[in-house]
Every structure is written in C-alpha cells, then in structure tokens.
Amino acid sequence: MLIKLVAFHLDLFYAWKKQFADCANVEVIDGDILAQEADALVSPANSFGYMDGGLDLKISQQLGWDIEGKVRQKLLDEFYGELPVGHALIVETGVSQFPYLISAPTMRVPMDVSNTANAFLAFKAILVEVQKFNTHKPRINSLVCSGLGTGEGKMSAEQCARQMREAYDVVLLGKVLTQGGLAGAVRNHQYLIGA
C-alpha cells in the first residue's frame, strides 16, 4: 500500500522525511492534501465525527456536506455515537478523487494532545482498519494522510512523525511490543511522547 504523508508546514515535512527515509511505500509531500489523489483520505477527526472545523471542514467542502452524515451514521450504528481515539472507520465518499474516507480521531474533542500518544493510536488504527478492509474487494491500495494531532492538538512535528513511524513499524513490520513487561511499555510510551 502506498502511503502519502502530506505536510502543511516544513517542520512536519522534514520530520516525516527523517522518520520514513527507509520506507519505499511512503511518499512525503509538501503541499495541499486535497490536491492529491488516493483510494482513501484520512480525516484526523474528533470522536463524534463532526467535520465543521480545521482540515475536516475543508474535507467536507471538497467531498460534499453529506460526508459528515455518513461518518456520524456509522458512528451511531457501530460505536454508539462516539469513536474512541485508537479506532478508525471507513466510509464510501462517492467521489472518485478519494473513494473512501477513513475517520480516525486524534482527540475526543478539540484539545491539546501534545502530551499523549494519540498520533500513534490514530495511525495504528488507520493501518489496522485498512488491513481489515483489504480482506475484501475492492481494496485500498493508497491513502493520503495529514499530520495527526499537529493542528488543534498542538503536537510537535517531531513527536507526530515519531509516533506515526512507531505505528507503521508495529502494524506493517510486525514490531509488536512483547518484551520488557509493563516497564517496557512505560519506556515505549515515554519515547512516544518525548519524555
């Protein structure tokens, strides 16, 4: 699967370039995420699926105002109206530029998430959900994603890139944390949040 990471500022562009330098299936782009094309577009959402601010507002304007309704209906049907951070869902858009939208909350509601592992949890959820989706046809062979938690969430570019790479390694390279017990998990968490 091709993963296009689209940076809206150079700090994020260079942080991703550094973290994903050895990943042939990851393309880091400096530009407008909505000028790209891919099978799926990631919405770095809130847990309630409201898409009326930030990047989600631009996504709604580009894909159509019914996209929020599709996301919120799936939230109601499958998650009792709230998608926790660390989960993702996929809806059809009806738009050929991005046939699918992946909603992956980086925060429950708009807030500072700079001292959390939310970018890791969101990107891991995105990759896991695509793998599940791809057990059926049609498949998602490419996705485009912005920085996770770097806008309203105030997460630094370096922290976001580090967390997204860790999620990539866990899901796509199988580098699952299995050693070190709870102390190892705490060390990993501290690494993710930059402590």
N, C-alpha and C. Protein backbone atom coordinates (compact mmCIF):
# COMPACT_ATOMS: atom_id res chain seq x y z
N MET A 1 0.85 -1.18 0.00
CA MET A 1 0.00 0.00 0.00
C MET A 1 0.89 1.24 0.00
N LEU A 2 0.55 2.19 -0.85
CA LEU A 2 1.24 3.47 -0.90
C LEU A 2 0.63 4.40 0.14
N ILE A 3 1.49 4.99 0.96
CA ILE A 3 1.05 5.95 1.98
C ILE A 3 1.63 7.30 1.62
N LYS A 4 0.75 8.27 1.34
CA LYS A 4 1.19 9.64 1.05
C LYS A 4 0.98 10.48 2.30
N LEU A 5 2.07 10.99 2.85
CA LEU A 5 2.01 11.88 4.01
C LEU A 5 2.18 13.29 3.50
N VAL A 6 1.17 14.11 3.68
CA VAL A 6 1.17 15.46 3.11
C VAL A 6 1.31 16.48 4.24
N ALA A 7 2.42 17.21 4.20
CA ALA A 7 2.73 18.18 5.25
C ALA A 7 2.19 19.55 4.90
N PHE A 8 1.63 20.22 5.90
CA PHE A 8 1.17 21.59 5.69
C PHE A 8 2.19 22.61 6.18
N HIS A 9 3.31 22.14 6.74
CA HIS A 9 4.42 23.03 7.07
C HIS A 9 5.72 22.24 6.99
N LEU A 10 6.83 22.94 6.80
CA LEU A 10 8.10 22.29 6.52
C LEU A 10 8.64 21.49 7.71
N ASP A 11 8.34 21.90 8.94
CA ASP A 11 8.79 21.12 10.09
C ASP A 11 8.29 19.69 10.01
N LEU A 12 7.03 19.53 9.66
CA LEU A 12 6.44 18.21 9.55
C LEU A 12 7.01 17.46 8.34
N PHE A 13 7.19 18.16 7.24
CA PHE A 13 7.78 17.55 6.04
C PHE A 13 9.13 16.92 6.37
N TYR A 14 10.01 17.68 7.01
CA TYR A 14 11.35 17.17 7.32
C TYR A 14 11.33 16.11 8.41
N ALA A 15 10.44 16.23 9.37
CA ALA A 15 10.34 15.21 10.42
C ALA A 15 9.89 13.88 9.82
N TRP A 16 8.91 13.92 8.91
CA TRP A 16 8.49 12.69 8.23
C TRP A 16 9.59 12.15 7.34
N LYS A 17 10.28 13.02 6.61
CA LYS A 17 11.38 12.58 5.74
C LYS A 17 12.41 11.79 6.54
N LYS A 18 12.73 12.29 7.72
CA LYS A 18 13.70 11.63 8.59
C LYS A 18 13.17 10.29 9.08
N GLN A 19 11.95 10.27 9.59
CA GLN A 19 11.40 9.06 10.19
C GLN A 19 11.11 7.96 9.15
N PHE A 20 10.70 8.34 7.95
CA PHE A 20 10.28 7.35 6.95
C PHE A 20 11.28 7.22 5.80
N ALA A 21 12.52 7.64 6.02
CA ALA A 21 13.53 7.63 4.95
C ALA A 21 13.74 6.25 4.33
N ASP A 22 13.58 5.20 5.11
CA ASP A 22 13.84 3.85 4.62
C ASP A 22 12.56 3.10 4.21
N CYS A 23 11.46 3.80 4.05
CA CYS A 23 10.18 3.17 3.73
C CYS A 23 9.81 3.46 2.28
N ALA A 24 10.00 2.48 1.41
CA ALA A 24 9.77 2.68 -0.02
C ALA A 24 8.31 2.95 -0.35
N ASN A 25 7.39 2.51 0.49
CA ASN A 25 5.97 2.69 0.21
C ASN A 25 5.39 3.96 0.83
N VAL A 26 6.26 4.82 1.38
CA VAL A 26 5.81 6.08 1.98
C VAL A 26 6.37 7.24 1.18
N GLU A 27 5.48 8.10 0.73
CA GLU A 27 5.86 9.30 -0.03
C GLU A 27 5.51 10.52 0.83
N VAL A 28 6.52 11.34 1.10
CA VAL A 28 6.31 12.55 1.89
C VAL A 28 6.19 13.73 0.93
N ILE A 29 5.12 14.49 1.06
CA ILE A 29 4.79 15.56 0.11
C ILE A 29 4.60 16.87 0.87
N ASP A 30 5.17 17.93 0.34
CA ASP A 30 4.92 19.28 0.85
C ASP A 30 3.86 19.89 -0.06
N GLY A 31 2.66 20.07 0.45
CA GLY A 31 1.61 20.60 -0.41
C GLY A 31 0.24 20.53 0.21
N ASP A 32 -0.74 20.59 -0.64
CA ASP A 32 -2.15 20.59 -0.25
C ASP A 32 -2.68 19.16 -0.29
N ILE A 33 -3.13 18.67 0.84
CA ILE A 33 -3.62 17.29 0.91
C ILE A 33 -4.80 17.07 -0.02
N LEU A 34 -5.63 18.10 -0.21
CA LEU A 34 -6.82 17.94 -1.04
C LEU A 34 -6.53 18.07 -2.52
N ALA A 35 -5.27 18.32 -2.88
CA ALA A 35 -4.87 18.33 -4.29
C ALA A 35 -4.33 16.96 -4.71
N GLN A 36 -4.26 16.03 -3.77
CA GLN A 36 -3.75 14.69 -4.05
C GLN A 36 -4.87 13.79 -4.56
N GLU A 37 -4.50 12.59 -4.97
CA GLU A 37 -5.47 11.55 -5.29
C GLU A 37 -5.02 10.27 -4.62
N ALA A 38 -5.97 9.49 -4.11
CA ALA A 38 -5.67 8.21 -3.47
C ALA A 38 -6.98 7.45 -3.30
N ASP A 39 -6.86 6.18 -2.99
CA ASP A 39 -8.06 5.39 -2.72
C ASP A 39 -8.77 5.87 -1.47
N ALA A 40 -7.99 6.38 -0.49
CA ALA A 40 -8.60 6.82 0.77
C ALA A 40 -7.93 8.08 1.28
N LEU A 41 -8.73 8.93 1.87
CA LEU A 41 -8.29 10.17 2.52
C LEU A 41 -8.55 10.02 4.01
N VAL A 42 -7.56 10.35 4.83
CA VAL A 42 -7.72 10.27 6.28
C VAL A 42 -8.26 11.59 6.81
N SER A 43 -9.30 11.48 7.62
CA SER A 43 -9.85 12.61 8.37
C SER A 43 -9.36 12.48 9.81
N PRO A 44 -8.47 13.39 10.25
CA PRO A 44 -7.97 13.33 11.63
C PRO A 44 -9.00 13.95 12.58
N ALA A 45 -9.99 13.19 12.87
CA ALA A 45 -11.26 13.69 13.40
C ALA A 45 -11.28 13.83 14.91
N ASN A 46 -12.44 14.28 15.38
CA ASN A 46 -12.80 14.17 16.79
C ASN A 46 -13.64 12.90 16.93
N SER A 47 -13.87 12.48 18.15
CA SER A 47 -14.56 11.21 18.39
C SER A 47 -16.02 11.20 17.97
N PHE A 48 -16.60 12.36 17.76
CA PHE A 48 -18.04 12.44 17.46
C PHE A 48 -18.34 12.61 15.97
N GLY A 49 -17.29 12.70 15.15
CA GLY A 49 -17.48 12.77 13.71
C GLY A 49 -17.92 14.11 13.18
N TYR A 50 -17.86 15.15 14.00
CA TYR A 50 -18.20 16.48 13.49
C TYR A 50 -17.07 16.96 12.60
N MET A 51 -17.42 17.42 11.41
CA MET A 51 -16.43 17.80 10.40
C MET A 51 -16.63 19.25 9.97
N ASP A 52 -16.70 20.15 10.94
CA ASP A 52 -17.00 21.54 10.63
C ASP A 52 -15.90 22.50 11.07
N GLY A 53 -14.68 21.97 11.23
CA GLY A 53 -13.56 22.84 11.59
C GLY A 53 -12.24 22.27 11.09
N GLY A 54 -11.25 23.14 10.93
CA GLY A 54 -9.92 22.72 10.53
C GLY A 54 -9.90 21.98 9.21
N LEU A 55 -9.07 20.94 9.12
CA LEU A 55 -8.98 20.15 7.90
C LEU A 55 -10.30 19.46 7.59
N ASP A 56 -11.01 19.02 8.62
CA ASP A 56 -12.30 18.35 8.38
C ASP A 56 -13.30 19.25 7.66
N LEU A 57 -13.27 20.54 7.95
CA LEU A 57 -14.14 21.49 7.25
C LEU A 57 -13.78 21.52 5.77
N LYS A 58 -12.49 21.56 5.47
CA LYS A 58 -12.05 21.57 4.07
C LYS A 58 -12.42 20.26 3.37
N ILE A 59 -12.31 19.15 4.10
CA ILE A 59 -12.72 17.86 3.53
C ILE A 59 -14.21 17.88 3.21
N SER A 60 -15.02 18.39 4.12
CA SER A 60 -16.47 18.47 3.89
C SER A 60 -16.79 19.34 2.68
N GLN A 61 -16.08 20.45 2.55
CA GLN A 61 -16.31 21.34 1.41
C GLN A 61 -15.94 20.66 0.10
N GLN A 62 -14.89 19.85 0.11
CA GLN A 62 -14.43 19.20 -1.12
C GLN A 62 -15.24 17.95 -1.47
N LEU A 63 -15.54 17.13 -0.47
CA LEU A 63 -16.22 15.86 -0.74
C LEU A 63 -17.74 15.97 -0.70
N GLY A 64 -18.23 17.06 -0.14
CA GLY A 64 -19.67 17.26 -0.03
C GLY A 64 -20.11 17.20 1.43
N TRP A 65 -21.12 17.99 1.74
CA TRP A 65 -21.56 18.12 3.12
C TRP A 65 -22.19 16.85 3.67
N ASP A 66 -22.52 15.89 2.81
CA ASP A 66 -23.11 14.64 3.29
C ASP A 66 -22.07 13.70 3.91
N ILE A 67 -20.78 14.00 3.74
CA ILE A 67 -19.74 13.11 4.27
C ILE A 67 -19.81 13.03 5.79
N GLU A 68 -20.06 14.16 6.45
CA GLU A 68 -20.20 14.14 7.91
C GLU A 68 -21.36 13.24 8.32
N GLY A 69 -22.46 13.32 7.60
CA GLY A 69 -23.62 12.47 7.90
C GLY A 69 -23.30 10.99 7.77
N LYS A 70 -22.52 10.63 6.75
CA LYS A 70 -22.13 9.23 6.58
C LYS A 70 -21.27 8.75 7.75
N VAL A 71 -20.32 9.59 8.14
CA VAL A 71 -19.45 9.23 9.27
C VAL A 71 -20.27 9.13 10.55
N ARG A 72 -21.11 10.12 10.81
CA ARG A 72 -21.88 10.13 12.05
C ARG A 72 -22.88 8.97 12.10
N GLN A 73 -23.46 8.61 10.95
CA GLN A 73 -24.39 7.47 10.94
C GLN A 73 -23.66 6.18 11.28
N LYS A 74 -22.46 6.00 10.72
CA LYS A 74 -21.70 4.79 11.03
C LYS A 74 -21.28 4.78 12.51
N LEU A 75 -20.96 5.96 13.04
CA LEU A 75 -20.65 6.07 14.47
C LEU A 75 -21.85 5.64 15.32
N LEU A 76 -23.02 6.10 14.93
CA LEU A 76 -24.24 5.72 15.66
C LEU A 76 -24.52 4.22 15.55
N ASP A 77 -24.37 3.70 14.34
CA ASP A 77 -24.70 2.30 14.09
C ASP A 77 -23.73 1.33 14.76
N GLU A 78 -22.44 1.69 14.79
CA GLU A 78 -21.43 0.73 15.22
C GLU A 78 -20.70 1.09 16.51
N PHE A 79 -20.76 2.36 16.93
CA PHE A 79 -19.97 2.78 18.09
C PHE A 79 -20.78 3.60 19.10
N TYR A 80 -22.11 3.50 19.05
CA TYR A 80 -22.97 4.23 19.99
C TYR A 80 -22.70 5.73 19.95
N GLY A 81 -22.33 6.23 18.77
CA GLY A 81 -22.20 7.68 18.57
C GLY A 81 -20.86 8.29 18.86
N GLU A 82 -19.89 7.48 19.33
CA GLU A 82 -18.59 8.03 19.68
C GLU A 82 -17.48 7.03 19.34
N LEU A 83 -16.53 7.46 18.52
CA LEU A 83 -15.41 6.62 18.11
C LEU A 83 -14.19 6.99 18.96
N PRO A 84 -13.76 6.11 19.86
CA PRO A 84 -12.64 6.46 20.72
C PRO A 84 -11.33 6.63 19.94
N VAL A 85 -10.43 7.43 20.48
CA VAL A 85 -9.08 7.52 19.94
C VAL A 85 -8.49 6.11 19.98
N GLY A 86 -7.86 5.71 18.88
CA GLY A 86 -7.33 4.35 18.77
C GLY A 86 -8.22 3.44 17.96
N HIS A 87 -9.30 4.01 17.40
CA HIS A 87 -10.20 3.29 16.49
C HIS A 87 -10.33 4.11 15.21
N ALA A 88 -10.71 3.44 14.15
CA ALA A 88 -10.94 4.12 12.87
C ALA A 88 -12.11 3.45 12.17
N LEU A 89 -12.73 4.19 11.26
CA LEU A 89 -13.79 3.61 10.44
C LEU A 89 -13.64 4.13 9.01
N ILE A 90 -14.21 3.38 8.09
CA ILE A 90 -14.10 3.71 6.67
C ILE A 90 -15.50 3.86 6.10
N VAL A 91 -15.71 4.96 5.36
CA VAL A 91 -16.98 5.17 4.66
C VAL A 91 -16.69 5.46 3.19
N GLU A 92 -17.65 5.11 2.34
CA GLU A 92 -17.55 5.47 0.93
C GLU A 92 -17.90 6.94 0.77
N THR A 93 -17.19 7.61 -0.15
CA THR A 93 -17.43 9.04 -0.35
C THR A 93 -18.30 9.33 -1.57
N GLY A 94 -18.25 8.45 -2.58
CA GLY A 94 -18.92 8.74 -3.83
C GLY A 94 -18.14 9.71 -4.70
N VAL A 95 -16.89 9.99 -4.34
CA VAL A 95 -16.04 10.93 -5.07
C VAL A 95 -14.82 10.17 -5.59
N SER A 96 -14.57 10.23 -6.90
CA SER A 96 -13.50 9.42 -7.50
C SER A 96 -12.10 9.82 -7.04
N GLN A 97 -11.90 11.07 -6.66
CA GLN A 97 -10.58 11.51 -6.20
C GLN A 97 -10.15 10.75 -4.94
N PHE A 98 -11.10 10.53 -4.04
CA PHE A 98 -10.90 9.77 -2.80
C PHE A 98 -12.14 8.90 -2.59
N PRO A 99 -12.18 7.68 -3.13
CA PRO A 99 -13.38 6.86 -3.00
C PRO A 99 -13.77 6.52 -1.56
N TYR A 100 -12.78 6.54 -0.66
CA TYR A 100 -13.06 6.22 0.74
C TYR A 100 -12.50 7.30 1.66
N LEU A 101 -13.19 7.49 2.78
CA LEU A 101 -12.71 8.37 3.84
C LEU A 101 -12.48 7.51 5.07
N ILE A 102 -11.32 7.68 5.68
CA ILE A 102 -11.00 6.99 6.93
C ILE A 102 -11.08 8.02 8.05
N SER A 103 -12.03 7.85 8.94
CA SER A 103 -12.16 8.74 10.09
C SER A 103 -11.39 8.12 11.25
N ALA A 104 -10.41 8.86 11.77
CA ALA A 104 -9.56 8.36 12.85
C ALA A 104 -9.33 9.48 13.85
N PRO A 105 -10.06 9.48 14.95
CA PRO A 105 -9.92 10.57 15.91
C PRO A 105 -8.51 10.67 16.49
N THR A 106 -8.03 11.89 16.57
CA THR A 106 -6.78 12.16 17.27
C THR A 106 -7.06 12.75 18.64
N MET A 107 -8.33 13.05 18.89
CA MET A 107 -8.76 13.61 20.17
C MET A 107 -10.26 13.40 20.32
N ARG A 108 -10.74 13.32 21.55
CA ARG A 108 -12.18 13.15 21.76
C ARG A 108 -12.91 14.40 21.32
N VAL A 109 -12.48 15.54 21.79
CA VAL A 109 -12.98 16.85 21.39
C VAL A 109 -11.76 17.73 21.16
N PRO A 110 -11.90 18.88 20.48
CA PRO A 110 -10.73 19.73 20.24
C PRO A 110 -10.01 20.07 21.55
N MET A 111 -8.72 19.71 21.59
CA MET A 111 -7.93 19.93 22.79
C MET A 111 -6.45 19.71 22.50
N ASP A 112 -5.61 20.11 23.43
CA ASP A 112 -4.17 19.90 23.35
C ASP A 112 -3.88 18.42 23.65
N VAL A 113 -3.29 17.72 22.68
CA VAL A 113 -2.92 16.31 22.88
C VAL A 113 -1.41 16.12 22.79
N SER A 114 -0.67 17.21 23.02
CA SER A 114 0.78 17.16 22.83
C SER A 114 1.49 16.27 23.85
N ASN A 115 0.84 15.91 24.93
CA ASN A 115 1.46 15.05 25.93
C ASN A 115 0.80 13.67 25.94
N THR A 116 0.37 13.22 24.74
CA THR A 116 -0.30 11.93 24.61
C THR A 116 0.36 11.11 23.50
N ALA A 117 -0.06 9.87 23.38
CA ALA A 117 0.35 9.00 22.28
C ALA A 117 -0.75 8.92 21.22
N ASN A 118 -1.56 9.96 21.11
CA ASN A 118 -2.75 9.91 20.24
C ASN A 118 -2.43 9.79 18.76
N ALA A 119 -1.32 10.36 18.29
CA ALA A 119 -0.96 10.20 16.87
C ALA A 119 -0.61 8.74 16.59
N PHE A 120 0.10 8.11 17.50
CA PHE A 120 0.40 6.68 17.39
C PHE A 120 -0.88 5.87 17.35
N LEU A 121 -1.77 6.12 18.30
CA LEU A 121 -3.01 5.36 18.37
C LEU A 121 -3.87 5.55 17.12
N ALA A 122 -3.94 6.78 16.63
CA ALA A 122 -4.76 7.06 15.45
C ALA A 122 -4.17 6.40 14.20
N PHE A 123 -2.85 6.53 14.00
CA PHE A 123 -2.24 5.96 12.79
C PHE A 123 -2.27 4.44 12.84
N LYS A 124 -2.05 3.88 14.01
CA LYS A 124 -2.16 2.43 14.16
C LYS A 124 -3.57 1.98 13.78
N ALA A 125 -4.58 2.69 14.27
CA ALA A 125 -5.97 2.35 13.96
C ALA A 125 -6.24 2.44 12.46
N ILE A 126 -5.69 3.47 11.81
CA ILE A 126 -5.85 3.63 10.36
C ILE A 126 -5.30 2.42 9.63
N LEU A 127 -4.07 2.04 9.95
CA LEU A 127 -3.42 0.93 9.25
C LEU A 127 -4.12 -0.39 9.52
N VAL A 128 -4.55 -0.61 10.75
CA VAL A 128 -5.27 -1.85 11.09
C VAL A 128 -6.61 -1.90 10.35
N GLU A 129 -7.33 -0.79 10.33
CA GLU A 129 -8.64 -0.76 9.66
C GLU A 129 -8.50 -1.01 8.16
N VAL A 130 -7.46 -0.46 7.55
CA VAL A 130 -7.23 -0.70 6.12
C VAL A 130 -6.90 -2.17 5.88
N GLN A 131 -6.09 -2.76 6.75
CA GLN A 131 -5.78 -4.18 6.60
C GLN A 131 -7.05 -5.02 6.68
N LYS A 132 -7.92 -4.71 7.62
CA LYS A 132 -9.20 -5.44 7.74
C LYS A 132 -10.05 -5.24 6.49
N PHE A 133 -10.13 -3.98 6.05
CA PHE A 133 -10.92 -3.65 4.86
C PHE A 133 -10.41 -4.41 3.65
N ASN A 134 -9.10 -4.55 3.55
CA ASN A 134 -8.48 -5.15 2.37
C ASN A 134 -8.60 -6.66 2.30
N THR A 135 -9.27 -7.27 3.26
CA THR A 135 -9.56 -8.70 3.14
C THR A 135 -10.70 -8.93 2.15
N HIS A 136 -11.36 -7.85 1.73
CA HIS A 136 -12.44 -7.89 0.75
C HIS A 136 -12.05 -7.04 -0.45
N LYS A 137 -12.86 -7.08 -1.49
CA LYS A 137 -12.62 -6.24 -2.67
C LYS A 137 -13.73 -5.21 -2.75
N PRO A 138 -13.50 -4.02 -3.27
CA PRO A 138 -12.21 -3.51 -3.75
C PRO A 138 -11.30 -3.16 -2.58
N ARG A 139 -10.02 -3.09 -2.86
CA ARG A 139 -9.01 -2.83 -1.84
C ARG A 139 -8.63 -1.35 -1.81
N ILE A 140 -8.09 -0.94 -0.68
CA ILE A 140 -7.46 0.38 -0.57
C ILE A 140 -5.98 0.16 -0.80
N ASN A 141 -5.48 0.63 -1.93
CA ASN A 141 -4.07 0.46 -2.29
C ASN A 141 -3.25 1.71 -2.05
N SER A 142 -3.91 2.82 -1.75
CA SER A 142 -3.19 4.07 -1.46
C SER A 142 -4.04 4.90 -0.51
N LEU A 143 -3.34 5.60 0.38
CA LEU A 143 -4.05 6.53 1.26
C LEU A 143 -3.22 7.78 1.41
N VAL A 144 -3.92 8.86 1.70
CA VAL A 144 -3.27 10.16 1.91
C VAL A 144 -3.64 10.62 3.31
N CYS A 145 -2.61 11.11 4.04
CA CYS A 145 -2.80 11.45 5.45
C CYS A 145 -2.05 12.73 5.77
N SER A 146 -2.65 13.55 6.60
CA SER A 146 -2.00 14.77 7.09
C SER A 146 -1.30 14.46 8.41
N GLY A 147 -0.74 15.49 9.02
CA GLY A 147 -0.21 15.34 10.37
C GLY A 147 -1.34 15.01 11.32
N LEU A 148 -1.09 14.14 12.27
CA LEU A 148 -2.11 13.73 13.23
C LEU A 148 -1.85 14.41 14.56
N GLY A 149 -2.80 15.24 14.97
CA GLY A 149 -2.66 15.95 16.24
C GLY A 149 -1.80 17.19 16.17
N THR A 150 -1.39 17.58 14.97
CA THR A 150 -0.45 18.70 14.84
C THR A 150 -1.13 20.06 14.67
N GLY A 151 -2.41 20.07 14.46
CA GLY A 151 -3.13 21.34 14.33
C GLY A 151 -3.68 21.75 15.68
N GLU A 152 -4.98 21.57 15.84
CA GLU A 152 -5.65 21.88 17.11
C GLU A 152 -5.01 21.14 18.29
N GLY A 153 -4.45 19.96 18.02
CA GLY A 153 -3.86 19.14 19.07
C GLY A 153 -2.52 19.60 19.58
N LYS A 154 -1.87 20.52 18.85
CA LYS A 154 -0.62 21.15 19.27
C LYS A 154 0.55 20.18 19.44
N MET A 155 0.48 19.02 18.82
CA MET A 155 1.58 18.07 18.87
C MET A 155 2.69 18.56 17.95
N SER A 156 3.94 18.44 18.39
CA SER A 156 5.06 18.89 17.57
C SER A 156 5.23 17.97 16.36
N ALA A 157 5.86 18.49 15.33
CA ALA A 157 6.11 17.72 14.12
C ALA A 157 6.95 16.48 14.44
N GLU A 158 7.98 16.65 15.25
CA GLU A 158 8.86 15.53 15.58
C GLU A 158 8.11 14.44 16.34
N GLN A 159 7.28 14.85 17.28
CA GLN A 159 6.52 13.89 18.07
C GLN A 159 5.52 13.14 17.19
N CYS A 160 4.82 13.86 16.34
CA CYS A 160 3.86 13.23 15.42
C CYS A 160 4.56 12.23 14.52
N ALA A 161 5.67 12.64 13.91
CA ALA A 161 6.40 11.76 12.99
C ALA A 161 6.91 10.51 13.71
N ARG A 162 7.45 10.69 14.90
CA ARG A 162 7.96 9.56 15.69
C ARG A 162 6.83 8.58 16.00
N GLN A 163 5.68 9.11 16.42
CA GLN A 163 4.55 8.25 16.76
C GLN A 163 4.00 7.53 15.54
N MET A 164 3.91 8.23 14.42
CA MET A 164 3.38 7.60 13.20
C MET A 164 4.33 6.50 12.72
N ARG A 165 5.64 6.73 12.83
CA ARG A 165 6.60 5.69 12.42
C ARG A 165 6.48 4.47 13.33
N GLU A 166 6.31 4.70 14.61
CA GLU A 166 6.15 3.57 15.55
C GLU A 166 4.92 2.75 15.18
N ALA A 167 3.82 3.40 14.84
CA ALA A 167 2.61 2.68 14.42
C ALA A 167 2.85 1.90 13.14
N TYR A 168 3.55 2.51 12.19
CA TYR A 168 3.93 1.85 10.93
C TYR A 168 4.72 0.58 11.24
N ASP A 169 5.71 0.70 12.12
CA ASP A 169 6.55 -0.45 12.46
C ASP A 169 5.75 -1.56 13.12
N VAL A 170 4.83 -1.21 14.00
CA VAL A 170 4.02 -2.21 14.70
C VAL A 170 3.11 -2.94 13.73
N VAL A 171 2.37 -2.19 12.92
CA VAL A 171 1.34 -2.81 12.08
C VAL A 171 1.91 -3.41 10.80
N LEU A 172 2.75 -2.68 10.10
CA LEU A 172 3.22 -3.15 8.79
C LEU A 172 4.50 -3.96 8.85
N LEU A 173 5.31 -3.77 9.89
CA LEU A 173 6.56 -4.51 10.00
C LEU A 173 6.53 -5.55 11.12
N GLY A 174 5.44 -5.60 11.87
CA GLY A 174 5.29 -6.62 12.91
C GLY A 174 6.15 -6.42 14.14
N LYS A 175 6.61 -5.20 14.37
CA LYS A 175 7.47 -4.93 15.53
C LYS A 175 6.61 -4.62 16.76
N VAL A 176 5.89 -5.63 17.18
CA VAL A 176 4.95 -5.51 18.29
C VAL A 176 5.72 -5.55 19.60
N LEU A 177 5.34 -4.71 20.54
CA LEU A 177 5.97 -4.66 21.85
C LEU A 177 5.56 -5.89 22.65
N THR A 178 6.48 -6.84 22.81
CA THR A 178 6.18 -8.08 23.53
C THR A 178 7.15 -8.35 24.67
N GLN A 179 8.22 -7.59 24.77
CA GLN A 179 9.25 -7.81 25.78
C GLN A 179 9.29 -6.66 26.77
N GLY A 180 9.78 -6.94 27.96
CA GLY A 180 10.02 -5.89 28.94
C GLY A 180 8.91 -5.64 29.92
N GLY A 181 7.80 -6.34 29.79
CA GLY A 181 6.70 -6.17 30.72
C GLY A 181 6.17 -4.75 30.74
N LEU A 182 5.56 -4.39 31.87
CA LEU A 182 4.98 -3.06 32.00
C LEU A 182 6.05 -1.98 31.93
N ALA A 183 7.22 -2.25 32.49
CA ALA A 183 8.31 -1.27 32.44
C ALA A 183 8.69 -0.97 30.99
N GLY A 184 8.70 -1.99 30.15
CA GLY A 184 8.99 -1.79 28.73
C GLY A 184 7.91 -0.97 28.05
N ALA A 185 6.66 -1.21 28.42
CA ALA A 185 5.55 -0.43 27.86
C ALA A 185 5.65 1.03 28.29
N VAL A 186 6.03 1.26 29.54
CA VAL A 186 6.19 2.63 30.03
C VAL A 186 7.32 3.33 29.28
N ARG A 187 8.44 2.64 29.09
CA ARG A 187 9.56 3.23 28.33
C ARG A 187 9.13 3.58 26.91
N ASN A 188 8.37 2.67 26.28
CA ASN A 188 7.88 2.93 24.94
C ASN A 188 6.96 4.14 24.91
N HIS A 189 6.08 4.25 25.89
CA HIS A 189 5.17 5.40 25.97
C HIS A 189 5.95 6.69 26.15
N GLN A 190 6.95 6.67 27.01
CA GLN A 190 7.78 7.86 27.22
C GLN A 190 8.50 8.26 25.94
N TYR A 191 8.96 7.25 25.18
CA TYR A 191 9.60 7.53 23.89
C TYR A 191 8.60 8.21 22.95
N LEU A 192 7.38 7.68 22.91
CA LEU A 192 6.37 8.23 22.00
C LEU A 192 6.03 9.68 22.33
N ILE A 193 5.90 10.00 23.60
CA ILE A 193 5.51 11.36 23.96
C ILE A 193 6.71 12.30 24.10
N GLY A 194 7.92 11.73 23.97
CA GLY A 194 9.11 12.57 24.00
C GLY A 194 9.55 12.95 25.40
N ALA A 195 9.20 12.13 26.38
CA ALA A 195 9.58 12.43 27.77
C ALA A 195 11.00 11.96 28.06
